[in-house]
Amino acid sequence: MTQIKSQLTLQEFFALPEGDITYELVNGEAKPKMAPKLYHSRLTGTIYIILMPWAKNRGEVGIEWAVTLKRKGRDWVPVPDLLYVSYSRLDNDVIEDEPCPIPPDLAIEIISPDQTFGEMSAKATDYLEAGVLRVWVVDAKAKTITVFYPDAHPQTKTGEDSLEDSLLEGLQITPAQIFQEAGIP
C-alpha cells in the first residue's frame, strides 16, 4: 500500500503513482473514493450510454474523470462518477489526457451505500461554488435524481419527471427511464 503524506500540493497529488484506488484531493489530502457496487456501476454505465450520443459534437462525457477546481480557496480534485463539459467551455482541439482543466457543465454523483444524501448535497454545493453549472445527485435506493443549480433551490426528480434543462438542450430523459435501463429494482 502506498504511504501518502498529508498536505499535498496539486503537483504532488498528480505525481502519485496510479493504482487500484482512485483518490480525490480534499483539503490537501488524498482521500480514497469508494469502490462502486453493482447498482452504482449499472447507473454509471446507463447514464454514460444515454449521454454519449446526445453529447456527440457538443462536448465530452467522462466516467470518473478528475477535475481541477478550487474549494474554499484550496486546490480540489474531485472525481465525479460522470461529468459533461461542453465544447463551448472546453476547446475540443486542446483536449489532452489529463484532468479536466475547467469546471464542467454537469457533474453527476451516485450515492454509494456508505454515503448519505447530506454528504452528497454538501459536495454538490462545493461543485456549484467552484463553477460547475449543474450537479445531479443520483439515489438508487430512493430512485431519485436531485438537480442542484447555482441560482435556484435543488429539485428532486422522480418517476416520469423530466430532466430537461436549457443547459442540456435536447436531452430528454426521466429518472424512471434511467433506473429502468439500469435494472434497478
Protein backbone atom coordinates (compact mmCIF):
# COMPACT_ATOMS: atom_id res chain seq x y z
CA MET A 1 0.00 0.00 0.00
CA THR A 2 1.30 3.45 -0.90
CA GLN A 3 2.01 5.79 2.01
CA ILE A 4 0.62 9.21 1.20
CA LYS A 5 1.78 12.26 3.12
CA SER A 6 -0.79 14.76 4.22
CA GLN A 7 -0.98 18.31 2.86
CA LEU A 8 -0.14 17.50 -0.72
CA THR A 9 0.28 20.21 -3.30
CA LEU A 10 -1.62 19.85 -6.57
CA GLN A 11 1.61 18.81 -8.32
CA GLU A 12 2.41 16.20 -5.63
CA PHE A 13 -1.13 14.83 -5.87
CA PHE A 14 -0.89 14.35 -9.64
CA ALA A 15 2.56 12.76 -9.24
CA LEU A 16 1.18 9.98 -7.00
CA PRO A 17 1.56 6.51 -8.53
CA GLU A 18 -1.52 5.09 -10.21
CA GLY A 19 -3.05 2.06 -8.56
CA ASP A 20 -6.27 0.23 -7.86
CA ILE A 21 -7.65 3.02 -5.67
CA THR A 22 -8.99 6.29 -7.05
CA TYR A 23 -8.19 9.32 -4.91
CA GLU A 24 -9.66 12.80 -4.67
CA LEU A 25 -7.66 15.77 -3.39
CA VAL A 26 -9.59 17.35 -0.50
CA ASN A 27 -8.04 19.92 1.85
CA GLY A 28 -4.53 18.90 0.82
CA GLU A 29 -5.16 15.20 1.47
CA ALA A 30 -5.58 12.29 -0.92
CA LYS A 31 -8.92 10.76 0.06
CA PRO A 32 -9.83 7.34 -1.38
CA LYS A 33 -13.01 7.24 -3.40
CA MET A 34 -15.39 4.42 -2.54
CA ALA A 35 -15.33 1.39 -4.81
CA PRO A 36 -18.64 1.17 -6.72
CA LYS A 37 -21.08 -1.66 -6.09
CA LEU A 38 -23.40 -3.27 -8.67
CA TYR A 39 -26.21 -0.67 -8.77
CA HIS A 40 -23.71 2.19 -8.78
CA SER A 41 -21.87 0.55 -11.68
CA ARG A 42 -25.08 -0.07 -13.62
CA LEU A 43 -26.21 3.52 -13.15
CA THR A 44 -22.84 4.89 -14.24
CA GLY A 45 -22.91 2.77 -17.41
CA THR A 46 -26.54 3.57 -18.19
CA ILE A 47 -26.13 7.33 -17.79
CA TYR A 48 -22.95 7.23 -19.88
CA ILE A 49 -24.74 5.32 -22.67
CA ILE A 50 -27.58 7.89 -22.59
CA LEU A 51 -25.28 10.92 -22.58
CA MET A 52 -22.76 9.82 -25.22
CA PRO A 53 -24.96 10.02 -28.35
CA TRP A 54 -26.55 13.25 -27.11
CA ALA A 55 -23.11 14.81 -26.41
CA LYS A 56 -21.64 13.96 -29.82
CA ASN A 57 -20.33 17.21 -31.34
CA ARG A 58 -21.46 19.07 -28.19
CA GLY A 59 -18.90 18.10 -25.60
CA GLU A 60 -17.06 15.45 -23.62
CA VAL A 61 -18.61 12.91 -21.27
CA GLY A 62 -16.26 11.34 -18.78
CA ILE A 63 -16.52 8.49 -16.31
CA GLU A 64 -14.50 9.23 -13.17
CA TRP A 65 -12.62 11.99 -14.99
CA ALA A 66 -10.85 14.06 -12.35
CA VAL A 67 -11.44 17.79 -12.50
CA THR A 68 -9.18 20.52 -11.15
CA LEU A 69 -11.20 23.02 -9.11
CA LYS A 70 -10.92 25.27 -6.07
CA ARG A 71 -12.81 24.57 -2.85
CA LYS A 72 -12.78 27.24 -0.16
CA GLY A 73 -9.68 28.75 -1.76
CA ARG A 74 -7.72 25.49 -1.89
CA ASP A 75 -6.93 23.12 -4.74
CA TRP A 76 -9.61 20.47 -5.00
CA VAL A 77 -9.60 17.49 -7.34
CA PRO A 78 -12.92 15.67 -7.14
CA VAL A 79 -13.59 12.66 -9.32
CA PRO A 80 -17.29 12.78 -10.19
CA ASP A 81 -18.87 9.50 -11.22
CA LEU A 82 -19.66 11.18 -14.54
CA LEU A 83 -19.24 14.64 -15.95
CA TYR A 84 -20.17 16.52 -19.08
CA VAL A 85 -18.25 19.54 -20.33
CA SER A 86 -19.40 21.36 -23.47
CA TYR A 87 -17.06 22.34 -26.26
CA SER A 88 -18.21 25.93 -25.72
CA ARG A 89 -16.34 25.74 -22.39
CA LEU A 90 -13.60 23.29 -23.36
CA ASP A 91 -11.99 23.64 -26.76
CA ASN A 92 -12.08 20.16 -28.30
CA ASP A 93 -8.85 20.88 -30.18
CA VAL A 94 -6.81 21.08 -26.98
CA ILE A 95 -8.10 18.05 -25.07
CA GLU A 96 -5.23 16.09 -23.56
CA ASP A 97 -5.04 13.00 -21.37
CA GLU A 98 -5.16 14.92 -18.11
CA PRO A 99 -7.73 16.05 -15.55
CA CYS A 100 -10.50 18.27 -16.83
CA PRO A 101 -8.97 21.76 -16.53
CA ILE A 102 -12.24 23.70 -16.13
CA PRO A 103 -15.46 23.33 -14.19
CA PRO A 104 -17.76 21.03 -16.16
CA ASP A 105 -21.27 21.94 -17.19
CA LEU A 106 -22.59 18.89 -15.30
CA ALA A 107 -21.15 16.73 -12.51
CA ILE A 108 -23.00 13.55 -11.58
CA GLU A 109 -22.53 11.81 -8.25
CA ILE A 110 -24.19 8.48 -7.48
CA ILE A 111 -24.73 7.86 -3.78
CA SER A 112 -22.85 4.77 -2.58
CA PRO A 113 -24.27 2.64 0.27
CA ASP A 114 -21.85 4.18 2.80
CA GLN A 115 -22.61 7.77 1.76
CA THR A 116 -25.51 9.97 2.79
CA PHE A 117 -27.62 12.35 0.78
CA GLY A 118 -26.43 15.10 3.12
CA GLU A 119 -22.78 14.40 2.27
CA MET A 120 -23.55 14.44 -1.44
CA SER A 121 -25.60 17.65 -1.07
CA ALA A 122 -22.61 19.34 0.58
CA LYS A 123 -20.38 18.12 -2.26
CA ALA A 124 -22.92 19.42 -4.79
CA THR A 125 -22.75 22.84 -3.12
CA ASP A 126 -18.94 22.72 -3.32
CA TYR A 127 -19.18 21.91 -7.04
CA LEU A 128 -21.52 24.84 -7.67
CA GLU A 129 -19.31 27.24 -5.70
CA ALA A 130 -16.36 26.05 -7.85
CA GLY A 131 -18.17 26.98 -11.07
CA VAL A 132 -19.93 23.75 -12.07
CA LEU A 133 -23.24 24.70 -13.67
CA ARG A 134 -25.37 21.68 -12.68
CA VAL A 135 -24.98 18.74 -10.32
CA TRP A 136 -27.07 15.60 -10.32
CA VAL A 137 -27.11 13.50 -7.16
CA VAL A 138 -28.46 10.07 -8.06
CA ASP A 139 -30.01 7.97 -5.28
CA ALA A 140 -30.53 4.33 -6.29
CA LYS A 141 -32.43 3.45 -3.09
CA ALA A 142 -34.96 6.27 -3.44
CA LYS A 143 -34.86 6.17 -7.27
CA THR A 144 -34.45 9.93 -7.38
CA ILE A 145 -32.19 12.40 -9.13
CA THR A 146 -31.76 15.70 -7.32
CA VAL A 147 -30.66 18.52 -9.59
CA PHE A 148 -28.61 21.31 -7.99
CA TYR A 149 -28.49 24.76 -9.60
CA PRO A 150 -26.22 27.73 -8.86
CA ASP A 151 -29.15 30.17 -8.76
CA ALA A 152 -32.15 28.15 -7.56
CA HIS A 153 -33.16 25.59 -4.97
CA PRO A 154 -32.42 21.94 -5.76
CA GLN A 155 -35.21 19.94 -7.37
CA THR A 156 -35.70 16.24 -6.71
CA LYS A 157 -36.96 14.38 -9.77
CA THR A 158 -38.72 11.01 -9.60
CA GLY A 159 -40.53 8.68 -11.95
CA GLU A 160 -41.61 10.42 -15.15
CA ASP A 161 -40.38 13.88 -14.09
CA SER A 162 -38.38 15.38 -16.92
CA LEU A 163 -34.67 16.09 -16.53
CA GLU A 164 -34.88 18.60 -19.40
CA ASP A 165 -32.65 21.60 -18.83
CA SER A 166 -31.72 24.56 -21.02
CA LEU A 167 -28.09 23.77 -20.19
CA LEU A 168 -28.51 20.29 -21.68
CA GLU A 169 -30.59 21.30 -24.68
CA GLY A 170 -32.21 18.40 -26.47
CA LEU A 171 -31.57 15.82 -23.73
CA GLN A 172 -34.91 14.24 -22.93
CA ILE A 173 -34.77 11.67 -20.17
CA THR A 174 -36.58 10.83 -16.93
CA PRO A 175 -35.40 9.14 -13.73
CA ALA A 176 -37.76 6.24 -14.48
CA GLN A 177 -36.01 5.63 -17.82
CA ILE A 178 -32.56 5.74 -16.20
CA PHE A 179 -33.43 3.38 -13.33
CA GLN A 180 -35.32 1.02 -15.63
CA GLU A 181 -32.45 0.86 -18.16
CA ALA A 182 -30.04 0.23 -15.28
CA GLY A 183 -32.19 -2.63 -13.99
CA ILE A 184 -32.56 -1.09 -10.54
CA PRO A 185 -35.45 -2.85 -8.76
